[in-house]
Amino acid sequence: QVHPVESGGGLVQAGGSLRLSCAVPGRTFTWYAMGWFRQAPGKEREFVAAIFWSGGSTNYADSVKGRFTISRDIDKNTVYLQMNGLKPEDTAVYYCNEVIGTLPRTPSWGQGTQVTVSS
């Protein structure tokens, strides 16, 4: 089974920025929407943002609106999450997946990428 590969995480200070990337090696995204989710220690995985592959319409969790931007590069078959104004509460492992609304479509998760925001 092929899993998404997330990258771009790291350690940043509060107010800093990171850009995450997601791709599926050797495959083209075929579902109509892709999204980012995150899971902080001791918490359930939660929806962060989604983008329609065709047209580029987006949807965000209230907690990240105005700070995060999801985008996609059709030619590179990659989904991005630009994160600005990071806060310590954004610390989590970030994952991508196909989405239906704000829910993950498949149980296939990659390793994720760790984002740690220091205060």
PDB file of N, CA and C in Angstrom:
ATOM      1  N   GLN A   1       0.843  -1.192   0.000  1.00  0.00           N
ATOM      2  CA  GLN A   1       0.000   0.000   0.000  1.00  0.00           C
ATOM      3  C   GLN A   1       0.878   1.242   0.000  1.00  0.00           C
ATOM      4  N   VAL A   2       0.535   2.188  -0.843  1.00  0.00           N
ATOM      5  CA  VAL A   2       1.339   3.399  -0.973  1.00  0.00           C
ATOM      6  C   VAL A   2       0.807   4.461  -0.036  1.00  0.00           C
ATOM      7  N   HIS A   3       1.703   5.058   0.722  1.00  0.00           N
ATOM      8  CA  HIS A   3       1.314   6.092   1.672  1.00  0.00           C
ATOM      9  C   HIS A   3       1.818   7.442   1.211  1.00  0.00           C
ATOM     10  N   PRO A   4       1.137   8.501   1.611  1.00  0.00           N
ATOM     11  CA  PRO A   4       1.636   9.835   1.307  1.00  0.00           C
ATOM     12  C   PRO A   4       2.974  10.064   2.009  1.00  0.00           C
ATOM     13  N   VAL A   5       3.782  10.934   1.437  1.00  0.00           N
ATOM     14  CA  VAL A   5       5.048  11.314   2.048  1.00  0.00           C
ATOM     15  C   VAL A   5       5.003  12.801   2.354  1.00  0.00           C
ATOM     16  N   GLU A   6       5.050  13.124   3.634  1.00  0.00           N
ATOM     17  CA  GLU A   6       5.021  14.513   4.066  1.00  0.00           C
ATOM     18  C   GLU A   6       6.440  14.959   4.413  1.00  0.00           C
ATOM     19  N   SER A   7       6.722  16.231   4.187  1.00  0.00           N
ATOM     20  CA  SER A   7       8.037  16.779   4.503  1.00  0.00           C
ATOM     21  C   SER A   7       7.926  18.270   4.784  1.00  0.00           C
ATOM     22  N   GLY A   8       9.005  18.827   5.325  1.00  0.00           N
ATOM     23  CA  GLY A   8       9.063  20.257   5.543  1.00  0.00           C
ATOM     24  C   GLY A   8       8.911  20.709   6.983  1.00  0.00           C
ATOM     25  N   GLY A   9       8.664  19.779   7.871  1.00  0.00           N
ATOM     26  CA  GLY A   9       8.513  20.141   9.276  1.00  0.00           C
ATOM     27  C   GLY A   9       9.832  20.565   9.900  1.00  0.00           C
ATOM     28  N   GLY A  10       9.758  21.017  11.145  1.00  0.00           N
ATOM     29  CA  GLY A  10      10.967  21.442  11.839  1.00  0.00           C
ATOM     30  C   GLY A  10      10.640  22.151  13.124  1.00  0.00           C
ATOM     31  N   LEU A  11      11.676  22.760  13.701  1.00  0.00           N
ATOM     32  CA  LEU A  11      11.543  23.519  14.943  1.00  0.00           C
ATOM     33  C   LEU A  11      11.645  25.000  14.616  1.00  0.00           C
ATOM     34  N   VAL A  12      10.641  25.752  15.023  1.00  0.00           N
ATOM     35  CA  VAL A  12      10.634  27.193  14.788  1.00  0.00           C
ATOM     36  C   VAL A  12      10.178  27.906  16.037  1.00  0.00           C
ATOM     37  N   GLN A  13      10.508  29.188  16.119  1.00  0.00           N
ATOM     38  CA  GLN A  13      10.022  30.004  17.221  1.00  0.00           C
ATOM     39  C   GLN A  13       8.619  30.505  16.901  1.00  0.00           C
ATOM     40  N   ALA A  14       7.900  30.845  17.933  1.00  0.00           N
ATOM     41  CA  ALA A  14       6.568  31.409  17.744  1.00  0.00           C
ATOM     42  C   ALA A  14       6.652  32.619  16.811  1.00  0.00           C
ATOM     43  N   GLY A  15       5.705  32.702  15.896  1.00  0.00           N
ATOM     44  CA  GLY A  15       5.692  33.756  14.906  1.00  0.00           C
ATOM     45  C   GLY A  15       6.402  33.394  13.613  1.00  0.00           C
ATOM     46  N   GLY A  16       7.096  32.278  13.625  1.00  0.00           N
ATOM     47  CA  GLY A  16       7.835  31.850  12.447  1.00  0.00           C
ATOM     48  C   GLY A  16       6.965  31.177  11.408  1.00  0.00           C
ATOM     49  N   SER A  17       7.610  30.686  10.349  1.00  0.00           N
ATOM     50  CA  SER A  17       6.903  30.080   9.222  1.00  0.00           C
ATOM     51  C   SER A  17       7.553  28.763   8.814  1.00  0.00           C
ATOM     52  N   LEU A  18       6.736  27.899   8.263  1.00  0.00           N
ATOM     53  CA  LEU A  18       7.195  26.657   7.656  1.00  0.00           C
ATOM     54  C   LEU A  18       6.309  26.367   6.458  1.00  0.00           C
ATOM     55  N   ARG A  19       6.858  25.598   5.512  1.00  0.00           N
ATOM     56  CA  ARG A  19       6.085  25.151   4.358  1.00  0.00           C
ATOM     57  C   ARG A  19       6.190  23.635   4.276  1.00  0.00           C
ATOM     58  N   LEU A  20       5.040  22.992   4.399  1.00  0.00           N
ATOM     59  CA  LEU A  20       4.977  21.539   4.318  1.00  0.00           C
ATOM     60  C   LEU A  20       4.612  21.105   2.907  1.00  0.00           C
ATOM     61  N   SER A  21       5.108  19.922   2.537  1.00  0.00           N
ATOM     62  CA  SER A  21       4.795  19.349   1.227  1.00  0.00           C
ATOM     63  C   SER A  21       4.269  17.932   1.397  1.00  0.00           C
ATOM     64  N   CYS A  22       3.428  17.506   0.458  1.00  0.00           N
ATOM     65  CA  CYS A  22       2.873  16.162   0.478  1.00  0.00           C
ATOM     66  C   CYS A  22       2.805  15.623  -0.944  1.00  0.00           C
ATOM     67  N   ALA A  23       3.322  14.418  -1.130  1.00  0.00           N
ATOM     68  CA  ALA A  23       3.247  13.751  -2.424  1.00  0.00           C
ATOM     69  C   ALA A  23       3.096  12.258  -2.191  1.00  0.00           C
ATOM     70  N   VAL A  24       2.620  11.552  -3.188  1.00  0.00           N
ATOM     71  CA  VAL A  24       2.531  10.098  -3.137  1.00  0.00           C
ATOM     72  C   VAL A  24       3.469   9.562  -4.210  1.00  0.00           C
ATOM     73  N   PRO A  25       4.562   8.937  -3.805  1.00  0.00           N
ATOM     74  CA  PRO A  25       5.570   8.495  -4.782  1.00  0.00           C
ATOM     75  C   PRO A  25       4.992   7.589  -5.858  1.00  0.00           C
ATOM     76  N   GLY A  26       5.235   7.953  -7.094  1.00  0.00           N
ATOM     77  CA  GLY A  26       4.842   7.094  -8.199  1.00  0.00           C
ATOM     78  C   GLY A  26       3.370   7.115  -8.523  1.00  0.00           C
ATOM     79  N   ARG A  27       2.621   7.989  -7.860  1.00  0.00           N
ATOM     80  CA  ARG A  27       1.179   8.025  -8.111  1.00  0.00           C
ATOM     81  C   ARG A  27       0.713   9.442  -8.355  1.00  0.00           C
ATOM     82  N   THR A  28      -0.385   9.534  -9.063  1.00  0.00           N
ATOM     83  CA  THR A  28      -1.038  10.823  -9.286  1.00  0.00           C
ATOM     84  C   THR A  28      -2.257  10.908  -8.380  1.00  0.00           C
ATOM     85  N   PHE A  29      -2.432  12.059  -7.771  1.00  0.00           N
ATOM     86  CA  PHE A  29      -3.626  12.249  -6.955  1.00  0.00           C
ATOM     87  C   PHE A  29      -4.855  12.139  -7.854  1.00  0.00           C
ATOM     88  N   THR A  30      -5.784  11.282  -7.494  1.00  0.00           N
ATOM     89  CA  THR A  30      -6.978  11.111  -8.315  1.00  0.00           C
ATOM     90  C   THR A  30      -8.258  11.509  -7.600  1.00  0.00           C
ATOM     91  N   TRP A  31      -8.202  11.610  -6.277  1.00  0.00           N
ATOM     92  CA  TRP A  31      -9.401  11.998  -5.540  1.00  0.00           C
ATOM     93  C   TRP A  31      -9.627  13.492  -5.726  1.00  0.00           C
ATOM     94  N   TYR A  32     -10.852  13.963  -5.484  1.00  0.00           N
ATOM     95  CA  TYR A  32     -11.174  15.341  -5.841  1.00  0.00           C
ATOM     96  C   TYR A  32     -10.651  16.375  -4.847  1.00  0.00           C
ATOM     97  N   ALA A  33     -10.249  15.931  -3.665  1.00  0.00           N
ATOM     98  CA  ALA A  33      -9.773  16.890  -2.673  1.00  0.00           C
ATOM     99  C   ALA A  33      -8.684  16.255  -1.805  1.00  0.00           C
ATOM    100  N   MET A  34      -7.727  17.071  -1.427  1.00  0.00           N
ATOM    101  CA  MET A  34      -6.657  16.648  -0.535  1.00  0.00           C
ATOM    102  C   MET A  34      -6.635  17.560   0.678  1.00  0.00           C
ATOM    103  N   GLY A  35      -6.187  17.036   1.786  1.00  0.00           N
ATOM    104  CA  GLY A  35      -6.198  17.840   2.994  1.00  0.00           C
ATOM    105  C   GLY A  35      -5.027  17.576   3.902  1.00  0.00           C
ATOM    106  N   TRP A  36      -4.863  18.468   4.850  1.00  0.00           N
ATOM    107  CA  TRP A  36      -3.871  18.319   5.902  1.00  0.00           C
ATOM    108  C   TRP A  36      -4.581  18.113   7.228  1.00  0.00           C
ATOM    109  N   PHE A  37      -3.993  17.241   8.037  1.00  0.00           N
ATOM    110  CA  PHE A  37      -4.475  16.971   9.377  1.00  0.00           C
ATOM    111  C   PHE A  37      -3.277  17.062  10.322  1.00  0.00           C
ATOM    112  N   ARG A  38      -3.564  17.167  11.610  1.00  0.00           N
ATOM    113  CA  ARG A  38      -2.466  17.186  12.569  1.00  0.00           C
ATOM    114  C   ARG A  38      -2.881  16.479  13.848  1.00  0.00           C
ATOM    115  N   GLN A  39      -1.868  15.972  14.543  1.00  0.00           N
ATOM    116  CA  GLN A  39      -2.119  15.291  15.803  1.00  0.00           C
ATOM    117  C   GLN A  39      -1.075  15.732  16.817  1.00  0.00           C
ATOM    118  N   ALA A  40      -1.551  16.390  17.849  1.00  0.00           N
ATOM    119  CA  ALA A  40      -0.684  16.824  18.941  1.00  0.00           C
ATOM    120  C   ALA A  40      -0.613  15.709  19.979  1.00  0.00           C
ATOM    121  N   PRO A  41       0.433  15.706  20.798  1.00  0.00           N
ATOM    122  CA  PRO A  41       0.575  14.663  21.815  1.00  0.00           C
ATOM    123  C   PRO A  41      -0.647  14.595  22.726  1.00  0.00           C
ATOM    124  N   GLY A  42      -1.168  13.402  22.888  1.00  0.00           N
ATOM    125  CA  GLY A  42      -2.297  13.207  23.780  1.00  0.00           C
ATOM    126  C   GLY A  42      -3.636  13.651  23.230  1.00  0.00           C
ATOM    127  N   LYS A  43      -3.652  14.070  21.971  1.00  0.00           N
ATOM    128  CA  LYS A  43      -4.902  14.549  21.366  1.00  0.00           C
ATOM    129  C   LYS A  43      -5.240  13.738  20.124  1.00  0.00           C
ATOM    130  N   GLU A  44      -6.504  13.831  19.712  1.00  0.00           N
ATOM    131  CA  GLU A  44      -6.920  13.146  18.502  1.00  0.00           C
ATOM    132  C   GLU A  44      -6.455  13.926  17.273  1.00  0.00           C
ATOM    133  N   ARG A  45      -6.336  13.197  16.176  1.00  0.00           N
ATOM    134  CA  ARG A  45      -5.993  13.849  14.930  1.00  0.00           C
ATOM    135  C   ARG A  45      -7.126  14.780  14.504  1.00  0.00           C
ATOM    136  N   GLU A  46      -6.768  15.969  14.022  1.00  0.00           N
ATOM    137  CA  GLU A  46      -7.784  16.949  13.662  1.00  0.00           C
ATOM    138  C   GLU A  46      -7.537  17.519  12.282  1.00  0.00           C
ATOM    139  N   PHE A  47      -8.610  17.974  11.675  1.00  0.00           N
ATOM    140  CA  PHE A  47      -8.563  18.591  10.358  1.00  0.00           C
ATOM    141  C   PHE A  47      -7.901  19.961  10.433  1.00  0.00           C
ATOM    142  N   VAL A  48      -7.086  20.275   9.417  1.00  0.00           N
ATOM    143  CA  VAL A  48      -6.424  21.572   9.347  1.00  0.00           C
ATOM    144  C   VAL A  48      -6.886  22.352   8.119  1.00  0.00           C
ATOM    145  N   ALA A  49      -6.779  21.739   6.940  1.00  0.00           N
ATOM    146  CA  ALA A  49      -7.118  22.460   5.709  1.00  0.00           C
ATOM    147  C   ALA A  49      -7.341  21.463   4.583  1.00  0.00           C
ATOM    148  N   ALA A  50      -8.100  21.884   3.570  1.00  0.00           N
ATOM    149  CA  ALA A  50      -8.366  21.038   2.410  1.00  0.00           C
ATOM    150  C   ALA A  50      -8.408  21.882   1.160  1.00  0.00           C
ATOM    151  N   ILE A  51      -8.129  21.245   0.020  1.00  0.00           N
ATOM    152  CA  ILE A  51      -8.171  21.931  -1.263  1.00  0.00           C
ATOM    153  C   ILE A  51      -8.748  21.004  -2.316  1.00  0.00           C
ATOM    154  N   PHE A  52      -9.648  21.568  -3.138  1.00  0.00           N
ATOM    155  CA  PHE A  52     -10.177  20.811  -4.251  1.00  0.00           C
ATOM    156  C   PHE A  52      -9.131  20.774  -5.350  1.00  0.00           C
ATOM    157  N   TRP A  53      -8.836  19.566  -5.833  1.00  0.00           N
ATOM    158  CA  TRP A  53      -7.786  19.419  -6.821  1.00  0.00           C
ATOM    159  C   TRP A  53      -8.097  20.212  -8.088  1.00  0.00           C
ATOM    160  N   SER A  54      -9.350  20.188  -8.502  1.00  0.00           N
ATOM    161  CA  SER A  54      -9.765  20.948  -9.675  1.00  0.00           C
ATOM    162  C   SER A  54     -10.435  22.229  -9.219  1.00  0.00           C
ATOM    163  N   GLY A  55      -9.907  23.348  -9.610  1.00  0.00           N
ATOM    164  CA  GLY A  55     -10.490  24.620  -9.220  1.00  0.00           C
ATOM    165  C   GLY A  55      -9.780  25.289  -8.066  1.00  0.00           C
ATOM    166  N   GLY A  56      -9.248  24.503  -7.139  1.00  0.00           N
ATOM    167  CA  GLY A  56      -8.443  25.067  -6.066  1.00  0.00           C
ATOM    168  C   GLY A  56      -9.204  25.680  -4.909  1.00  0.00           C
ATOM    169  N   SER A  57     -10.511  25.425  -4.799  1.00  0.00           N
ATOM    170  CA  SER A  57     -11.242  25.946  -3.633  1.00  0.00           C
ATOM    171  C   SER A  57     -10.665  25.359  -2.360  1.00  0.00           C
ATOM    172  N   THR A  58     -10.682  26.164  -1.288  1.00  0.00           N
ATOM    173  CA  THR A  58     -10.056  25.745  -0.044  1.00  0.00           C
ATOM    174  C   THR A  58     -11.010  25.830   1.141  1.00  0.00           C
ATOM    175  N   ASN A  59     -10.640  25.138   2.198  1.00  0.00           N
ATOM    176  CA  ASN A  59     -11.400  25.127   3.442  1.00  0.00           C
ATOM    177  C   ASN A  59     -10.408  25.002   4.585  1.00  0.00           C
ATOM    178  N   TYR A  60     -10.638  25.743   5.682  1.00  0.00           N
ATOM    179  CA  TYR A  60      -9.691  25.746   6.795  1.00  0.00           C
ATOM    180  C   TYR A  60     -10.403  25.546   8.130  1.00  0.00           C
ATOM    181  N   ALA A  61      -9.686  24.963   9.057  1.00  0.00           N
ATOM    182  CA  ALA A  61     -10.159  24.941  10.434  1.00  0.00           C
ATOM    183  C   ALA A  61     -10.084  26.362  10.979  1.00  0.00           C
ATOM    184  N   ASP A  62     -10.999  26.703  11.864  1.00  0.00           N
ATOM    185  CA  ASP A  62     -11.032  28.061  12.416  1.00  0.00           C
ATOM    186  C   ASP A  62      -9.714  28.434  13.080  1.00  0.00           C
ATOM    187  N   SER A  63      -9.061  27.450  13.678  1.00  0.00           N
ATOM    188  CA  SER A  63      -7.844  27.718  14.437  1.00  0.00           C
ATOM    189  C   SER A  63      -6.672  28.163  13.563  1.00  0.00           C
ATOM    190  N   VAL A  64      -6.750  27.928  12.256  1.00  0.00           N
ATOM    191  CA  VAL A  64      -5.619  28.278  11.384  1.00  0.00           C
ATOM    192  C   VAL A  64      -5.993  29.311  10.321  1.00  0.00           C
ATOM    193  N   LYS A  65      -7.247  29.696  10.251  1.00  0.00           N
ATOM    194  CA  LYS A  65      -7.671  30.674   9.251  1.00  0.00           C
ATOM    195  C   LYS A  65      -6.878  31.959   9.378  1.00  0.00           C
ATOM    196  N   GLY A  66      -6.431  32.464   8.234  1.00  0.00           N
ATOM    197  CA  GLY A  66      -5.673  33.705   8.218  1.00  0.00           C
ATOM    198  C   GLY A  66      -4.188  33.515   8.456  1.00  0.00           C
ATOM    199  N   ARG A  67      -3.781  32.299   8.875  1.00  0.00           N
ATOM    200  CA  ARG A  67      -2.362  32.045   9.129  1.00  0.00           C
ATOM    201  C   ARG A  67      -1.797  30.981   8.185  1.00  0.00           C
ATOM    202  N   PHE A  68      -2.610  29.986   7.869  1.00  0.00           N
ATOM    203  CA  PHE A  68      -2.166  28.878   7.015  1.00  0.00           C
ATOM    204  C   PHE A  68      -2.791  29.019   5.633  1.00  0.00           C
ATOM    205  N   THR A  69      -2.052  28.570   4.627  1.00  0.00           N
ATOM    206  CA  THR A  69      -2.553  28.561   3.252  1.00  0.00           C
ATOM    207  C   THR A  69      -2.232  27.214   2.612  1.00  0.00           C
ATOM    208  N   ILE A  70      -3.275  26.538   2.123  1.00  0.00           N
ATOM    209  CA  ILE A  70      -3.084  25.283   1.414  1.00  0.00           C
ATOM    210  C   ILE A  70      -3.086  25.565  -0.080  1.00  0.00           C
ATOM    211  N   SER A  71      -2.224  24.879  -0.795  1.00  0.00           N
ATOM    212  CA  SER A  71      -2.161  25.052  -2.244  1.00  0.00           C
ATOM    213  C   SER A  71      -1.752  23.728  -2.875  1.00  0.00           C
ATOM    214  N   ARG A  72      -1.849  23.664  -4.213  1.00  0.00           N
ATOM    215  CA  ARG A  72      -1.425  22.445  -4.892  1.00  0.00           C
ATOM    216  C   ARG A  72      -0.742  22.816  -6.204  1.00  0.00           C
ATOM    217  N   ASP A  73       0.186  21.951  -6.596  1.00  0.00           N
ATOM    218  CA  ASP A  73       0.865  22.083  -7.874  1.00  0.00           C
ATOM    219  C   ASP A  73       0.480  20.851  -8.681  1.00  0.00           C
ATOM    220  N   ILE A  74      -0.395  21.036  -9.645  1.00  0.00           N
ATOM    221  CA  ILE A  74      -0.905  19.901 -10.410  1.00  0.00           C
ATOM    222  C   ILE A  74       0.213  19.215 -11.189  1.00  0.00           C
ATOM    223  N   ASP A  75       1.104  20.005 -11.752  1.00  0.00           N
ATOM    224  CA  ASP A  75       2.195  19.422 -12.551  1.00  0.00           C
ATOM    225  C   ASP A  75       3.120  18.571 -11.691  1.00  0.00           C
ATOM    226  N   LYS A  76       3.338  19.005 -10.446  1.00  0.00           N
ATOM    227  CA  LYS A  76       4.229  18.269  -9.552  1.00  0.00           C
ATOM    228  C   LYS A  76       3.467  17.262  -8.682  1.00  0.00           C
ATOM    229  N   ASN A  77       2.137  17.265  -8.819  1.00  0.00           N
ATOM    230  CA  ASN A  77       1.320  16.331  -8.043  1.00  0.00           C
ATOM    231  C   ASN A  77       1.642  16.424  -6.558  1.00  0.00           C
ATOM    232  N   THR A  78       1.685  17.662  -6.074  1.00  0.00           N
ATOM    233  CA  THR A  78       2.092  17.928  -4.701  1.00  0.00           C
ATOM    234  C   THR A  78       1.126  18.914  -4.061  1.00  0.00           C
ATOM    235  N   VAL A  79       0.870  18.693  -2.783  1.00  0.00           N
ATOM    236  CA  VAL A  79       0.042  19.597  -1.992  1.00  0.00           C
ATOM    237  C   VAL A  79       0.938  20.267  -0.957  1.00  0.00           C
ATOM    238  N   TYR A  80       0.714  21.556  -0.733  1.00  0.00           N
ATOM    239  CA  TYR A  80       1.542  22.321   0.192  1.00  0.00           C
ATOM    240  C   TYR A  80       0.687  22.901   1.321  1.00  0.00           C
ATOM    241  N   LEU A  81       1.348  23.186   2.427  1.00  0.00           N
ATOM    242  CA  LEU A  81       0.703  23.927   3.513  1.00  0.00           C
ATOM    243  C   LEU A  81       1.703  24.982   3.989  1.00  0.00           C
ATOM    244  N   GLN A  82       1.431  26.227   3.625  1.00  0.00           N
ATOM    245  CA  GLN A  82       2.252  27.344   4.090  1.00  0.00           C
ATOM    246  C   GLN A  82       1.717  27.786   5.439  1.00  0.00           C
ATOM    247  N   MET A  83       2.567  27.745   6.440  1.00  0.00           N
ATOM    248  CA  MET A  83       2.152  28.069   7.798  1.00  0.00           C
ATOM    249  C   MET A  83       2.918  29.301   8.266  1.00  0.00           C
ATOM    250  N   ASN A  84       2.186  30.373   8.496  1.00  0.00           N
ATOM    251  CA  ASN A  84       2.769  31.624   8.990  1.00  0.00           C
ATOM    252  C   ASN A  84       2.211  31.928  10.368  1.00  0.00           C
ATOM    253  N   GLY A  85       2.888  32.777  11.092  1.00  0.00           N
ATOM    254  CA  GLY A  85       2.401  33.148  12.413  1.00  0.00           C
ATOM    255  C   GLY A  85       2.222  31.947  13.320  1.00  0.00           C
ATOM    256  N   LEU A  86       3.181  31.033  13.292  1.00  0.00           N
ATOM    257  CA  LEU A  86       3.026  29.794  14.061  1.00  0.00           C
ATOM    258  C   LEU A  86       2.970  30.061  15.559  1.00  0.00           C
ATOM    259  N   LYS A  87       2.163  29.256  16.235  1.00  0.00           N
ATOM    260  CA  LYS A  87       1.967  29.355  17.679  1.00  0.00           C
ATOM    261  C   LYS A  87       2.367  28.035  18.331  1.00  0.00           C
ATOM    262  N   PRO A  88       2.729  28.064  19.600  1.00  0.00           N
ATOM    263  CA  PRO A  88       3.076  26.806  20.280  1.00  0.00           C
ATOM    264  C   PRO A  88       1.971  25.755  20.160  1.00  0.00           C
ATOM    265  N   GLU A  89       0.723  26.179  20.127  1.00  0.00           N
ATOM    266  CA  GLU A  89      -0.378  25.221  20.014  1.00  0.00           C
ATOM    267  C   GLU A  89      -0.481  24.589  18.633  1.00  0.00           C
ATOM    268  N   ASP A  90       0.320  25.031  17.688  1.00  0.00           N
ATOM    269  CA  ASP A  90       0.382  24.392  16.375  1.00  0.00           C
ATOM    270  C   ASP A  90       1.323  23.189  16.383  1.00  0.00           C
ATOM    271  N   THR A  91       2.029  23.003  17.476  1.00  0.00           N
ATOM    272  CA  THR A  91       2.945  21.869  17.584  1.00  0.00           C
ATOM    273  C   THR A  91       2.191  20.552  17.441  1.00  0.00           C
ATOM    274  N   ALA A  92       2.611  19.743  16.484  1.00  0.00           N
ATOM    275  CA  ALA A  92       1.924  18.481  16.188  1.00  0.00           C
ATOM    276  C   ALA A  92       2.675  17.768  15.071  1.00  0.00           C
ATOM    277  N   VAL A  93       2.260  16.529  14.826  1.00  0.00           N
ATOM    278  CA  VAL A  93       2.685  15.834  13.621  1.00  0.00           C
ATOM    279  C   VAL A  93       1.630  16.113  12.561  1.00  0.00           C
ATOM    280  N   TYR A  94       2.059  16.549  11.411  1.00  0.00           N
ATOM    281  CA  TYR A  94       1.158  16.927  10.327  1.00  0.00           C
ATOM    282  C   TYR A  94       1.144  15.829   9.257  1.00  0.00           C
ATOM    283  N   TYR A  95      -0.076  15.507   8.811  1.00  0.00           N
ATOM    284  CA  TYR A  95      -0.282  14.453   7.827  1.00  0.00           C
ATOM    285  C   TYR A  95      -1.151  14.979   6.682  1.00  0.00           C
ATOM    286  N   CYS A  96      -1.015  14.349   5.528  1.00  0.00           N
ATOM    287  CA  CYS A  96      -1.950  14.664   4.444  1.00  0.00           C
ATOM    288  C   CYS A  96      -2.732  13.398   4.081  1.00  0.00           C
ATOM    289  N   ASN A  97      -3.865  13.612   3.467  1.00  0.00           N
ATOM    290  CA  ASN A  97      -4.729  12.499   3.082  1.00  0.00           C
ATOM    291  C   ASN A  97      -5.784  13.020   2.121  1.00  0.00           C
ATOM    292  N   GLU A  98      -6.398  12.112   1.395  1.00  0.00           N
ATOM    293  CA  GLU A  98      -7.590  12.479   0.646  1.00  0.00           C
ATOM    294  C   GLU A  98      -8.673  12.836   1.662  1.00  0.00           C
ATOM    295  N   VAL A  99      -9.552  13.754   1.275  1.00  0.00           N
ATOM    296  CA  VAL A  99     -10.575  14.179   2.222  1.00  0.00           C
ATOM    297  C   VAL A  99     -11.961  14.131   1.603  1.00  0.00           C
ATOM    298  N   ILE A 100     -12.930  13.941   2.487  1.00  0.00           N
ATOM    299  CA  ILE A 100     -14.339  14.154   2.163  1.00  0.00           C
ATOM    300  C   ILE A 100     -14.823  15.171   3.186  1.00  0.00           C
ATOM    301  N   GLY A 101     -15.040  16.400   2.745  1.00  0.00           N
ATOM    302  CA  GLY A 101     -15.361  17.461   3.697  1.00  0.00           C
ATOM    303  C   GLY A 101     -14.161  17.747   4.575  1.00  0.00           C
ATOM    304  N   THR A 102     -14.297  17.474   5.857  1.00  0.00           N
ATOM    305  CA  THR A 102     -13.176  17.661   6.782  1.00  0.00           C
ATOM    306  C   THR A 102     -12.698  16.341   7.368  1.00  0.00           C
ATOM    307  N   LEU A 103     -13.115  15.248   6.743  1.00  0.00           N
ATOM    308  CA  LEU A 103     -12.753  13.928   7.242  1.00  0.00           C
ATOM    309  C   LEU A 103     -11.782  13.242   6.294  1.00  0.00           C
ATOM    310  N   PRO A 104     -10.865  12.452   6.825  1.00  0.00           N
ATOM    311  CA  PRO A 104      -9.960  11.708   5.945  1.00  0.00           C
ATOM    312  C   PRO A 104     -10.729  10.629   5.205  1.00  0.00           C
ATOM    313  N   ARG A 105     -10.404  10.446   3.925  1.00  0.00           N
ATOM    314  CA  ARG A 105     -11.135   9.492   3.116  1.00  0.00           C
ATOM    315  C   ARG A 105     -10.609   8.071   3.300  1.00  0.00           C
ATOM    316  N   THR A 106      -9.327   7.933   3.547  1.00  0.00           N
ATOM    317  CA  THR A 106      -8.737   6.606   3.636  1.00  0.00           C
ATOM    318  C   THR A 106      -8.035   6.417   4.971  1.00  0.00           C
ATOM    319  N   PRO A 107      -7.845   5.162   5.371  1.00  0.00           N
ATOM    320  CA  PRO A 107      -7.081   4.893   6.599  1.00  0.00           C
ATOM    321  C   PRO A 107      -5.581   4.841   6.343  1.00  0.00           C
ATOM    322  N   SER A 108      -5.162   5.232   5.133  1.00  0.00           N
ATOM    323  CA  SER A 108      -3.754   5.141   4.765  1.00  0.00           C
ATOM    324  C   SER A 108      -3.037   6.427   5.136  1.00  0.00           C
ATOM    325  N   TRP A 109      -2.257   6.375   6.206  1.00  0.00           N
ATOM    326  CA  TRP A 109      -1.514   7.543   6.673  1.00  0.00           C
ATOM    327  C   TRP A 109      -0.022   7.317   6.458  1.00  0.00           C
ATOM    328  N   GLY A 110       0.673   8.395   6.134  1.00  0.00           N
ATOM    329  CA  GLY A 110       2.121   8.342   6.037  1.00  0.00           C
ATOM    330  C   GLY A 110       2.749   8.527   7.409  1.00  0.00           C
ATOM    331  N   GLN A 111       4.046   8.793   7.421  1.00  0.00           N
ATOM    332  CA  GLN A 111       4.761   8.995   8.682  1.00  0.00           C
ATOM    333  C   GLN A 111       4.494  10.378   9.266  1.00  0.00           C
ATOM    334  N   GLY A 112       4.043  11.279   8.433  1.00  0.00           N
ATOM    335  CA  GLY A 112       3.820  12.634   8.899  1.00  0.00           C
ATOM    336  C   GLY A 112       5.127  13.406   9.013  1.00  0.00           C
ATOM    337  N   THR A 113       4.994  14.682   9.330  1.00  0.00           N
ATOM    338  CA  THR A 113       6.167  15.529   9.533  1.00  0.00           C
ATOM    339  C   THR A 113       5.963  16.339  10.802  1.00  0.00           C
ATOM    340  N   GLN A 114       6.967  16.337  11.665  1.00  0.00           N
ATOM    341  CA  GLN A 114       6.850  16.969  12.979  1.00  0.00           C
ATOM    342  C   GLN A 114       7.053  18.472  12.867  1.00  0.00           C
ATOM    343  N   VAL A 115       6.130  19.215  13.438  1.00  0.00           N
ATOM    344  CA  VAL A 115       6.248  20.668  13.560  1.00  0.00           C
ATOM    345  C   VAL A 115       6.279  21.004  15.035  1.00  0.00           C
ATOM    346  N   THR A 116       7.324  21.683  15.454  1.00  0.00           N
ATOM    347  CA  THR A 116       7.457  22.077  16.846  1.00  0.00           C
ATOM    348  C   THR A 116       7.673  23.583  16.907  1.00  0.00           C
ATOM    349  N   VAL A 117       6.805  24.250  17.652  1.00  0.00           N
ATOM    350  CA  VAL A 117       6.866  25.703  17.777  1.00  0.00           C
ATOM    351  C   VAL A 117       7.208  26.049  19.217  1.00  0.00           C
ATOM    352  N   SER A 118       8.324  26.712  19.406  1.00  0.00           N
ATOM    353  CA  SER A 118       8.753  27.097  20.745  1.00  0.00           C
ATOM    354  C   SER A 118       8.255  28.494  21.086  1.00  0.00           C
ATOM    355  N   SER A 119       8.009  28.715  22.355  1.00  0.00           N
ATOM    356  CA  SER A 119       7.483  30.022  22.797  1.00  0.00           C
ATOM    357  C   SER A 119       8.612  30.972  23.146  1.00  0.00           C
TER     358      SER A 119
END
